[in-house]
Amino acid sequence: MFKSIPDLGDANANFNAAWQTIVKDAVNVSTAPQMQPSDNPEDWKVEMGSAPFEKDGAKGVAVLVTISGYGKMVNVLVLTNPKHTNKP
């Protein structure tokens, strides 16, 4: 989770700017984000997208959630690793 910053006036523009700075600085994404449908009837707007990445030989999925409202935006970045092991 990142500290809130001033928004760009549009939830989609906020997400795109955050994707370019936060996600692309953290990992090497291989495709454009796959966006999740958003239904934002009220004050806060939420945009979410994900894309596969590879970093230092590890593969995973980057998920970015951008929450916009009242002139601010907050970003949450989740990096997942699809390979998990269950060792006793």
PDB file of N, CA and C in Angstrom:
ATOM      1  N   MET A   1       0.854  -1.157   0.000  1.00  0.00           N
ATOM      2  CA  MET A   1       0.000   0.000   0.000  1.00  0.00           C
ATOM      3  C   MET A   1       0.902   1.221   0.000  1.00  0.00           C
ATOM      4  N   PHE A   2       0.551   2.188  -0.800  1.00  0.00           N
ATOM      5  CA  PHE A   2       1.331   3.397  -0.939  1.00  0.00           C
ATOM      6  C   PHE A   2       0.579   4.589  -0.344  1.00  0.00           C
ATOM      7  N   LYS A   3       1.321   5.557   0.092  1.00  0.00           N
ATOM      8  CA  LYS A   3       0.756   6.790   0.651  1.00  0.00           C
ATOM      9  C   LYS A   3      -0.143   7.466  -0.386  1.00  0.00           C
ATOM     10  N   SER A   4      -1.240   8.056   0.070  1.00  0.00           N
ATOM     11  CA  SER A   4      -2.144   8.732  -0.853  1.00  0.00           C
ATOM     12  C   SER A   4      -1.433   9.937  -1.476  1.00  0.00           C
ATOM     13  N   ILE A   5      -1.805  10.199  -2.719  1.00  0.00           N
ATOM     14  CA  ILE A   5      -1.256  11.338  -3.449  1.00  0.00           C
ATOM     15  C   ILE A   5      -2.404  12.030  -4.176  1.00  0.00           C
ATOM     16  N   PRO A   6      -2.193  13.254  -4.650  1.00  0.00           N
ATOM     17  CA  PRO A   6      -3.255  13.927  -5.410  1.00  0.00           C
ATOM     18  C   PRO A   6      -3.615  13.127  -6.661  1.00  0.00           C
ATOM     19  N   ASP A   7      -4.907  13.099  -6.970  1.00  0.00           N
ATOM     20  CA  ASP A   7      -5.319  12.345  -8.145  1.00  0.00           C
ATOM     21  C   ASP A   7      -5.219  13.199  -9.402  1.00  0.00           C
ATOM     22  N   LEU A   8      -5.447  12.550 -10.548  1.00  0.00           N
ATOM     23  CA  LEU A   8      -5.358  13.222 -11.841  1.00  0.00           C
ATOM     24  C   LEU A   8      -6.730  13.632 -12.365  1.00  0.00           C
ATOM     25  N   GLY A   9      -7.773  13.424 -11.544  1.00  0.00           N
ATOM     26  CA  GLY A   9      -9.118  13.841 -11.923  1.00  0.00           C
ATOM     27  C   GLY A   9      -9.978  12.760 -12.539  1.00  0.00           C
ATOM     28  N   ASP A  10      -9.402  11.602 -12.838  1.00  0.00           N
ATOM     29  CA  ASP A  10     -10.140  10.516 -13.474  1.00  0.00           C
ATOM     30  C   ASP A  10      -9.578   9.192 -12.959  1.00  0.00           C
ATOM     31  N   ALA A  11     -10.442   8.289 -12.532  1.00  0.00           N
ATOM     32  CA  ALA A  11     -10.000   7.018 -11.945  1.00  0.00           C
ATOM     33  C   ALA A  11      -9.175   6.193 -12.928  1.00  0.00           C
ATOM     34  N   ASN A  12      -9.563   6.181 -14.195  1.00  0.00           N
ATOM     35  CA  ASN A  12      -8.823   5.423 -15.192  1.00  0.00           C
ATOM     36  C   ASN A  12      -7.437   6.032 -15.423  1.00  0.00           C
ATOM     37  N   ALA A  13      -7.358   7.344 -15.493  1.00  0.00           N
ATOM     38  CA  ALA A  13      -6.060   8.015 -15.651  1.00  0.00           C
ATOM     39  C   ALA A  13      -5.177   7.758 -14.437  1.00  0.00           C
ATOM     40  N   ASN A  14      -5.768   7.747 -13.244  1.00  0.00           N
ATOM     41  CA  ASN A  14      -5.017   7.449 -12.024  1.00  0.00           C
ATOM     42  C   ASN A  14      -4.417   6.049 -12.109  1.00  0.00           C
ATOM     43  N   PHE A  15      -5.245   5.071 -12.510  1.00  0.00           N
ATOM     44  CA  PHE A  15      -4.757   3.697 -12.614  1.00  0.00           C
ATOM     45  C   PHE A  15      -3.618   3.615 -13.624  1.00  0.00           C
ATOM     46  N   ASN A  16      -3.802   4.195 -14.796  1.00  0.00           N
ATOM     47  CA  ASN A  16      -2.780   4.121 -15.847  1.00  0.00           C
ATOM     48  C   ASN A  16      -1.468   4.755 -15.394  1.00  0.00           C
ATOM     49  N   ALA A  17      -1.544   5.888 -14.713  1.00  0.00           N
ATOM     50  CA  ALA A  17      -0.331   6.537 -14.216  1.00  0.00           C
ATOM     51  C   ALA A  17       0.350   5.675 -13.157  1.00  0.00           C
ATOM     52  N   ALA A  18      -0.433   5.080 -12.273  1.00  0.00           N
ATOM     53  CA  ALA A  18       0.133   4.223 -11.227  1.00  0.00           C
ATOM     54  C   ALA A  18       0.756   2.971 -11.840  1.00  0.00           C
ATOM     55  N   TRP A  19       0.116   2.412 -12.860  1.00  0.00           N
ATOM     56  CA  TRP A  19       0.669   1.221 -13.516  1.00  0.00           C
ATOM     57  C   TRP A  19       2.041   1.542 -14.109  1.00  0.00           C
ATOM     58  N   GLN A  20       2.141   2.688 -14.767  1.00  0.00           N
ATOM     59  CA  GLN A  20       3.402   3.075 -15.405  1.00  0.00           C
ATOM     60  C   GLN A  20       4.516   3.324 -14.388  1.00  0.00           C
ATOM     61  N   THR A  21       4.168   3.856 -13.234  1.00  0.00           N
ATOM     62  CA  THR A  21       5.204   4.194 -12.259  1.00  0.00           C
ATOM     63  C   THR A  21       5.424   3.095 -11.225  1.00  0.00           C
ATOM     64  N   ILE A  22       4.387   2.645 -10.585  1.00  0.00           N
ATOM     65  CA  ILE A  22       4.536   1.686  -9.483  1.00  0.00           C
ATOM     66  C   ILE A  22       4.851   0.281  -9.993  1.00  0.00           C
ATOM     67  N   VAL A  23       4.017  -0.243 -10.861  1.00  0.00           N
ATOM     68  CA  VAL A  23       4.186  -1.628 -11.305  1.00  0.00           C
ATOM     69  C   VAL A  23       5.436  -1.773 -12.164  1.00  0.00           C
ATOM     70  N   LYS A  24       5.583  -0.924 -13.156  1.00  0.00           N
ATOM     71  CA  LYS A  24       6.716  -1.062 -14.075  1.00  0.00           C
ATOM     72  C   LYS A  24       8.054  -0.767 -13.409  1.00  0.00           C
ATOM     73  N   ASP A  25       8.049  -0.020 -12.305  1.00  0.00           N
ATOM     74  CA  ASP A  25       9.283   0.176 -11.542  1.00  0.00           C
ATOM     75  C   ASP A  25       9.609  -1.042 -10.679  1.00  0.00           C
ATOM     76  N   ALA A  26       8.584  -1.789 -10.285  1.00  0.00           N
ATOM     77  CA  ALA A  26       8.785  -2.924  -9.379  1.00  0.00           C
ATOM     78  C   ALA A  26       9.155  -4.208 -10.115  1.00  0.00           C
ATOM     79  N   VAL A  27       8.481  -4.477 -11.233  1.00  0.00           N
ATOM     80  CA  VAL A  27       8.690  -5.736 -11.950  1.00  0.00           C
ATOM     81  C   VAL A  27       8.584  -5.504 -13.455  1.00  0.00           C
ATOM     82  N   ASN A  28       9.031  -6.487 -14.224  1.00  0.00           N
ATOM     83  CA  ASN A  28       8.973  -6.430 -15.674  1.00  0.00           C
ATOM     84  C   ASN A  28       7.708  -7.138 -16.139  1.00  0.00           C
ATOM     85  N   VAL A  29       6.627  -6.384 -16.326  1.00  0.00           N
ATOM     86  CA  VAL A  29       5.375  -6.986 -16.793  1.00  0.00           C
ATOM     87  C   VAL A  29       5.492  -7.277 -18.280  1.00  0.00           C
ATOM     88  N   SER A  30       4.902  -8.388 -18.705  1.00  0.00           N
ATOM     89  CA  SER A  30       5.051  -8.821 -20.086  1.00  0.00           C
ATOM     90  C   SER A  30       3.893  -8.406 -20.990  1.00  0.00           C
ATOM     91  N   THR A  31       2.791  -7.945 -20.403  1.00  0.00           N
ATOM     92  CA  THR A  31       1.631  -7.538 -21.192  1.00  0.00           C
ATOM     93  C   THR A  31       0.967  -6.328 -20.533  1.00  0.00           C
ATOM     94  N   ALA A  32       0.029  -5.747 -21.248  1.00  0.00           N
ATOM     95  CA  ALA A  32      -0.796  -4.686 -20.658  1.00  0.00           C
ATOM     96  C   ALA A  32      -1.677  -5.312 -19.581  1.00  0.00           C
ATOM     97  N   PRO A  33      -2.111  -4.521 -18.595  1.00  0.00           N
ATOM     98  CA  PRO A  33      -2.937  -5.106 -17.541  1.00  0.00           C
ATOM     99  C   PRO A  33      -4.293  -5.567 -18.060  1.00  0.00           C
ATOM    100  N   GLN A  34      -4.729  -6.694 -17.529  1.00  0.00           N
ATOM    101  CA  GLN A  34      -6.089  -7.170 -17.789  1.00  0.00           C
ATOM    102  C   GLN A  34      -6.965  -6.515 -16.734  1.00  0.00           C
ATOM    103  N   MET A  35      -7.879  -5.667 -17.175  1.00  0.00           N
ATOM    104  CA  MET A  35      -8.694  -4.895 -16.248  1.00  0.00           C
ATOM    105  C   MET A  35      -9.895  -5.694 -15.768  1.00  0.00           C
ATOM    106  N   GLN A  36     -10.242  -5.460 -14.525  1.00  0.00           N
ATOM    107  CA  GLN A  36     -11.440  -6.048 -13.937  1.00  0.00           C
ATOM    108  C   GLN A  36     -12.574  -5.047 -14.102  1.00  0.00           C
ATOM    109  N   PRO A  37     -13.790  -5.518 -14.286  1.00  0.00           N
ATOM    110  CA  PRO A  37     -14.907  -4.579 -14.413  1.00  0.00           C
ATOM    111  C   PRO A  37     -15.065  -3.745 -13.147  1.00  0.00           C
ATOM    112  N   SER A  38     -15.384  -2.489 -13.330  1.00  0.00           N
ATOM    113  CA  SER A  38     -15.608  -1.631 -12.168  1.00  0.00           C
ATOM    114  C   SER A  38     -17.014  -1.069 -12.215  1.00  0.00           C
ATOM    115  N   ASP A  39     -17.633  -1.006 -11.057  1.00  0.00           N
ATOM    116  CA  ASP A  39     -18.974  -0.447 -10.912  1.00  0.00           C
ATOM    117  C   ASP A  39     -18.884   0.543  -9.771  1.00  0.00           C
ATOM    118  N   ASN A  40     -18.722   1.802 -10.124  1.00  0.00           N
ATOM    119  CA  ASN A  40     -18.428   2.835  -9.130  1.00  0.00           C
ATOM    120  C   ASN A  40     -19.522   3.898  -9.109  1.00  0.00           C
ATOM    121  N   PRO A  41     -20.661   3.602  -8.522  1.00  0.00           N
ATOM    122  CA  PRO A  41     -21.756   4.567  -8.567  1.00  0.00           C
ATOM    123  C   PRO A  41     -21.605   5.737  -7.598  1.00  0.00           C
ATOM    124  N   GLU A  42     -20.778   5.632  -6.603  1.00  0.00           N
ATOM    125  CA  GLU A  42     -20.693   6.668  -5.574  1.00  0.00           C
ATOM    126  C   GLU A  42     -19.370   7.408  -5.613  1.00  0.00           C
ATOM    127  N   ASP A  43     -18.971   7.968  -4.472  1.00  0.00           N
ATOM    128  CA  ASP A  43     -17.828   8.864  -4.375  1.00  0.00           C
ATOM    129  C   ASP A  43     -16.486   8.218  -4.705  1.00  0.00           C
ATOM    130  N   TRP A  44     -16.177   7.067  -4.127  1.00  0.00           N
ATOM    131  CA  TRP A  44     -14.889   6.424  -4.351  1.00  0.00           C
ATOM    132  C   TRP A  44     -14.943   5.592  -5.618  1.00  0.00           C
ATOM    133  N   LYS A  45     -13.891   5.668  -6.408  1.00  0.00           N
ATOM    134  CA  LYS A  45     -13.780   4.900  -7.652  1.00  0.00           C
ATOM    135  C   LYS A  45     -12.625   3.914  -7.500  1.00  0.00           C
ATOM    136  N   VAL A  46     -12.857   2.661  -7.881  1.00  0.00           N
ATOM    137  CA  VAL A  46     -11.843   1.615  -7.755  1.00  0.00           C
ATOM    138  C   VAL A  46     -11.572   1.032  -9.136  1.00  0.00           C
ATOM    139  N   GLU A  47     -10.301   0.989  -9.502  1.00  0.00           N
ATOM    140  CA  GLU A  47      -9.865   0.346 -10.739  1.00  0.00           C
ATOM    141  C   GLU A  47      -8.862  -0.735 -10.356  1.00  0.00           C
ATOM    142  N   MET A  48      -8.953  -1.897 -11.017  1.00  0.00           N
ATOM    143  CA  MET A  48      -8.042  -2.992 -10.702  1.00  0.00           C
ATOM    144  C   MET A  48      -7.641  -3.701 -11.982  1.00  0.00           C
ATOM    145  N   GLY A  49      -6.349  -4.002 -12.094  1.00  0.00           N
ATOM    146  CA  GLY A  49      -5.850  -4.737 -13.246  1.00  0.00           C
ATOM    147  C   GLY A  49      -4.683  -5.613 -12.838  1.00  0.00           C
ATOM    148  N   SER A  50      -4.397  -6.611 -13.678  1.00  0.00           N
ATOM    149  CA  SER A  50      -3.306  -7.539 -13.371  1.00  0.00           C
ATOM    150  C   SER A  50      -2.600  -7.947 -14.654  1.00  0.00           C
ATOM    151  N   ALA A  51      -1.337  -8.361 -14.501  1.00  0.00           N
ATOM    152  CA  ALA A  51      -0.554  -8.839 -15.638  1.00  0.00           C
ATOM    153  C   ALA A  51       0.561  -9.734 -15.117  1.00  0.00           C
ATOM    154  N   PRO A  52       0.981 -10.702 -15.944  1.00  0.00           N
ATOM    155  CA  PRO A  52       2.102 -11.553 -15.547  1.00  0.00           C
ATOM    156  C   PRO A  52       3.403 -10.761 -15.535  1.00  0.00           C
ATOM    157  N   PHE A  53       4.354 -11.200 -14.703  1.00  0.00           N
ATOM    158  CA  PHE A  53       5.666 -10.561 -14.653  1.00  0.00           C
ATOM    159  C   PHE A  53       6.741 -11.613 -14.454  1.00  0.00           C
ATOM    160  N   GLU A  54       7.968 -11.182 -14.696  1.00  0.00           N
ATOM    161  CA  GLU A  54       9.129 -12.007 -14.393  1.00  0.00           C
ATOM    162  C   GLU A  54      10.194 -11.092 -13.802  1.00  0.00           C
ATOM    163  N   LYS A  55      10.783 -11.531 -12.704  1.00  0.00           N
ATOM    164  CA  LYS A  55      11.842 -10.755 -12.068  1.00  0.00           C
ATOM    165  C   LYS A  55      12.840 -11.718 -11.448  1.00  0.00           C
ATOM    166  N   ASP A  56      14.098 -11.553 -11.812  1.00  0.00           N
ATOM    167  CA  ASP A  56      15.171 -12.401 -11.294  1.00  0.00           C
ATOM    168  C   ASP A  56      14.863 -13.887 -11.473  1.00  0.00           C
ATOM    169  N   GLY A  57      14.256 -14.233 -12.612  1.00  0.00           N
ATOM    170  CA  GLY A  57      13.944 -15.624 -12.896  1.00  0.00           C
ATOM    171  C   GLY A  57      12.648 -16.134 -12.291  1.00  0.00           C
ATOM    172  N   ALA A  58      12.039 -15.361 -11.418  1.00  0.00           N
ATOM    173  CA  ALA A  58      10.769 -15.766 -10.806  1.00  0.00           C
ATOM    174  C   ALA A  58       9.614 -15.188 -11.620  1.00  0.00           C
ATOM    175  N   LYS A  59       8.583 -15.999 -11.804  1.00  0.00           N
ATOM    176  CA  LYS A  59       7.400 -15.545 -12.529  1.00  0.00           C
ATOM    177  C   LYS A  59       6.250 -15.391 -11.547  1.00  0.00           C
ATOM    178  N   GLY A  60       5.364 -14.462 -11.856  1.00  0.00           N
ATOM    179  CA  GLY A  60       4.213 -14.237 -10.997  1.00  0.00           C
ATOM    180  C   GLY A  60       3.205 -13.341 -11.680  1.00  0.00           C
ATOM    181  N   VAL A  61       2.313 -12.786 -10.901  1.00  0.00           N
ATOM    182  CA  VAL A  61       1.291 -11.868 -11.394  1.00  0.00           C
ATOM    183  C   VAL A  61       1.313 -10.616 -10.528  1.00  0.00           C
ATOM    184  N   ALA A  62       1.313  -9.454 -11.188  1.00  0.00           N
ATOM    185  CA  ALA A  62       1.224  -8.173 -10.493  1.00  0.00           C
ATOM    186  C   ALA A  62      -0.228  -7.718 -10.538  1.00  0.00           C
ATOM    187  N   VAL A  63      -0.776  -7.372  -9.382  1.00  0.00           N
ATOM    188  CA  VAL A  63      -2.152  -6.879  -9.279  1.00  0.00           C
ATOM    189  C   VAL A  63      -2.085  -5.479  -8.692  1.00  0.00           C
ATOM    190  N   LEU A  64      -2.656  -4.511  -9.402  1.00  0.00           N
ATOM    191  CA  LEU A  64      -2.695  -3.130  -8.921  1.00  0.00           C
ATOM    192  C   LEU A  64      -4.136  -2.721  -8.690  1.00  0.00           C
ATOM    193  N   VAL A  65      -4.404  -2.177  -7.505  1.00  0.00           N
ATOM    194  CA  VAL A  65      -5.716  -1.620  -7.172  1.00  0.00           C
ATOM    195  C   VAL A  65      -5.496  -0.137  -6.913  1.00  0.00           C
ATOM    196  N   THR A  66      -6.231   0.706  -7.645  1.00  0.00           N
ATOM    197  CA  THR A  66      -6.154   2.150  -7.467  1.00  0.00           C
ATOM    198  C   THR A  66      -7.509   2.639  -6.984  1.00  0.00           C
ATOM    199  N   ILE A  67      -7.519   3.318  -5.834  1.00  0.00           N
ATOM    200  CA  ILE A  67      -8.742   3.845  -5.233  1.00  0.00           C
ATOM    201  C   ILE A  67      -8.667   5.356  -5.313  1.00  0.00           C
ATOM    202  N   SER A  68      -9.660   5.979  -5.959  1.00  0.00           N
ATOM    203  CA  SER A  68      -9.647   7.422  -6.186  1.00  0.00           C
ATOM    204  C   SER A  68     -10.897   8.061  -5.602  1.00  0.00           C
ATOM    205  N   GLY A  69     -10.710   9.225  -5.002  1.00  0.00           N
ATOM    206  CA  GLY A  69     -11.847   9.988  -4.498  1.00  0.00           C
ATOM    207  C   GLY A  69     -11.408  11.194  -3.704  1.00  0.00           C
ATOM    208  N   TYR A  70     -12.233  12.209  -3.713  1.00  0.00           N
ATOM    209  CA  TYR A  70     -11.997  13.420  -2.931  1.00  0.00           C
ATOM    210  C   TYR A  70     -10.635  14.045  -3.232  1.00  0.00           C
ATOM    211  N   GLY A  71     -10.222  13.968  -4.512  1.00  0.00           N
ATOM    212  CA  GLY A  71      -8.976  14.595  -4.919  1.00  0.00           C
ATOM    213  C   GLY A  71      -7.720  13.816  -4.571  1.00  0.00           C
ATOM    214  N   LYS A  72      -7.863  12.578  -4.113  1.00  0.00           N
ATOM    215  CA  LYS A  72      -6.718  11.744  -3.730  1.00  0.00           C
ATOM    216  C   LYS A  72      -6.800  10.393  -4.426  1.00  0.00           C
ATOM    217  N   MET A  73      -5.656   9.711  -4.491  1.00  0.00           N
ATOM    218  CA  MET A  73      -5.652   8.319  -4.923  1.00  0.00           C
ATOM    219  C   MET A  73      -4.706   7.540  -4.039  1.00  0.00           C
ATOM    220  N   VAL A  74      -5.082   6.285  -3.808  1.00  0.00           N
ATOM    221  CA  VAL A  74      -4.279   5.351  -3.031  1.00  0.00           C
ATOM    222  C   VAL A  74      -4.075   4.123  -3.895  1.00  0.00           C
ATOM    223  N   ASN A  75      -2.857   3.610  -3.910  1.00  0.00           N
ATOM    224  CA  ASN A  75      -2.538   2.444  -4.720  1.00  0.00           C
ATOM    225  C   ASN A  75      -2.097   1.290  -3.838  1.00  0.00           C
ATOM    226  N   VAL A  76      -2.540   0.086  -4.201  1.00  0.00           N
ATOM    227  CA  VAL A  76      -2.145  -1.135  -3.520  1.00  0.00           C
ATOM    228  C   VAL A  76      -1.585  -2.068  -4.594  1.00  0.00           C
ATOM    229  N   LEU A  77      -0.339  -2.507  -4.402  1.00  0.00           N
ATOM    230  CA  LEU A  77       0.296  -3.429  -5.333  1.00  0.00           C
ATOM    231  C   LEU A  77       0.466  -4.771  -4.638  1.00  0.00           C
ATOM    232  N   VAL A  78      -0.008  -5.832  -5.297  1.00  0.00           N
ATOM    233  CA  VAL A  78       0.146  -7.194  -4.794  1.00  0.00           C
ATOM    234  C   VAL A  78       0.934  -7.969  -5.840  1.00  0.00           C
ATOM    235  N   LEU A  79       2.040  -8.579  -5.416  1.00  0.00           N
ATOM    236  CA  LEU A  79       2.829  -9.438  -6.290  1.00  0.00           C
ATOM    237  C   LEU A  79       2.624 -10.873  -5.838  1.00  0.00           C
ATOM    238  N   THR A  80       2.156 -11.712  -6.746  1.00  0.00           N
ATOM    239  CA  THR A  80       1.884 -13.100  -6.398  1.00  0.00           C
ATOM    240  C   THR A  80       2.872 -14.009  -7.108  1.00  0.00           C
ATOM    241  N   ASN A  81       3.063 -15.175  -6.556  1.00  0.00           N
ATOM    242  CA  ASN A  81       3.891 -16.198  -7.158  1.00  0.00           C
ATOM    243  C   ASN A  81       2.992 -17.412  -7.325  1.00  0.00           C
ATOM    244  N   PRO A  82       2.657 -17.762  -8.566  1.00  0.00           N
ATOM    245  CA  PRO A  82       1.701 -18.853  -8.756  1.00  0.00           C
ATOM    246  C   PRO A  82       2.233 -20.220  -8.350  1.00  0.00           C
ATOM    247  N   LYS A  83       3.535 -20.344  -8.214  1.00  0.00           N
ATOM    248  CA  LYS A  83       4.100 -21.627  -7.809  1.00  0.00           C
ATOM    249  C   LYS A  83       4.175 -21.672  -6.299  1.00  0.00           C
ATOM    250  N   HIS A  84       3.439 -22.597  -5.711  1.00  0.00           N
ATOM    251  CA  HIS A  84       3.561 -22.771  -4.267  1.00  0.00           C
ATOM    252  C   HIS A  84       3.727 -24.252  -3.969  1.00  0.00           C
ATOM    253  N   THR A  85       4.408 -24.481  -2.915  1.00  0.00           N
ATOM    254  CA  THR A  85       4.644 -25.864  -2.529  1.00  0.00           C
ATOM    255  C   THR A  85       4.064 -26.109  -1.160  1.00  0.00           C
ATOM    256  N   ASN A  86       3.597 -27.293  -0.960  1.00  0.00           N
ATOM    257  CA  ASN A  86       3.098 -27.707   0.351  1.00  0.00           C
ATOM    258  C   ASN A  86       4.051 -28.748   0.891  1.00  0.00           C
ATOM    259  N   LYS A  87       5.005 -28.302   1.642  1.00  0.00           N
ATOM    260  CA  LYS A  87       5.970 -29.228   2.236  1.00  0.00           C
ATOM    261  C   LYS A  87       5.558 -29.541   3.653  1.00  0.00           C
ATOM    262  N   PRO A  88       5.587 -30.831   4.018  1.00  0.00           N
ATOM    263  CA  PRO A  88       5.195 -31.189   5.395  1.00  0.00           C
ATOM    264  C   PRO A  88       6.177 -30.682   6.414  1.00  0.00           C
TER     265      PRO A  88
END
